[in-house]
Protein backbone atom coordinates (compact mmCIF):
# COMPACT_ATOMS: atom_id res chain seq x y z
CA MET A 1 0.00 0.00 0.00
CA SER A 2 1.50 3.33 -1.01
CA ALA A 3 1.37 6.56 0.93
CA PRO A 4 -1.54 8.86 0.09
CA SER A 5 -0.70 11.60 -2.40
CA ARG A 6 -0.98 15.24 -1.45
CA ALA A 7 -2.71 17.95 -3.43
CA ASP A 8 -0.42 20.41 -5.24
CA ILE A 9 -0.79 23.53 -3.11
CA ASP A 10 0.79 25.63 -5.87
CA TRP A 11 -1.43 24.28 -8.65
CA ILE A 12 -2.14 26.97 -11.23
CA GLY A 13 -5.78 26.65 -12.16
CA TYR A 14 -8.74 28.84 -12.96
CA GLY A 15 -7.68 32.28 -14.16
CA ASP A 16 -4.03 31.17 -14.13
CA LYS A 17 -3.93 31.70 -10.36
CA THR A 18 -2.68 29.63 -7.47
CA PRO A 19 -4.90 28.98 -4.45
CA LEU A 20 -2.90 31.65 -2.56
CA ALA A 21 -3.58 34.27 -5.23
CA ILE A 22 -7.29 33.44 -5.23
CA ALA A 23 -7.48 33.65 -1.43
CA ARG A 24 -5.76 37.05 -1.52
CA THR A 25 -8.18 38.30 -4.17
CA GLN A 26 -11.11 37.22 -2.00
CA ASP A 27 -9.63 38.84 1.16
CA ALA A 28 -9.73 35.42 2.83
CA ASP A 29 -7.00 36.26 5.35
CA ASP A 30 -7.44 33.07 7.37
CA VAL A 31 -6.96 30.98 4.22
CA VAL A 32 -3.97 33.11 3.15
CA HIS A 33 -2.33 32.53 6.55
CA TRP A 34 -2.98 28.80 6.37
CA LEU A 35 -1.67 28.53 2.81
CA ARG A 36 1.46 30.49 3.77
CA SER A 37 1.98 28.14 6.73
CA GLN A 38 1.97 25.33 4.15
CA ARG A 39 4.60 27.22 2.08
CA ALA A 40 2.19 28.07 -0.75
CA LYS A 41 3.34 30.54 -3.39
CA THR A 42 1.84 32.89 -5.97
CA CYS A 43 2.54 32.51 -9.71
CA GLY A 44 5.04 35.35 -9.47
CA GLU A 45 6.89 33.67 -6.64
CA LEU A 46 6.92 30.37 -8.52
CA SER A 47 8.32 31.95 -11.69
CA SER A 48 11.01 33.87 -9.78
CA HIS A 49 12.14 30.62 -8.14
CA ALA A 50 12.25 28.86 -11.51
CA THR A 51 14.58 31.44 -13.05
CA ARG A 52 17.19 31.24 -10.30
């Protein structure tokens, strides 16, 4: 039996946004804080890490 897979917290979905970006847009501060505690990133943060 394999370990359960985890959801991709930085998945870029609807509107080309990550869950963190969507939570910020909706002023969902509690969700933003939780996502940050899980090391979630915005598209801009992901692209800046990829170019390093």
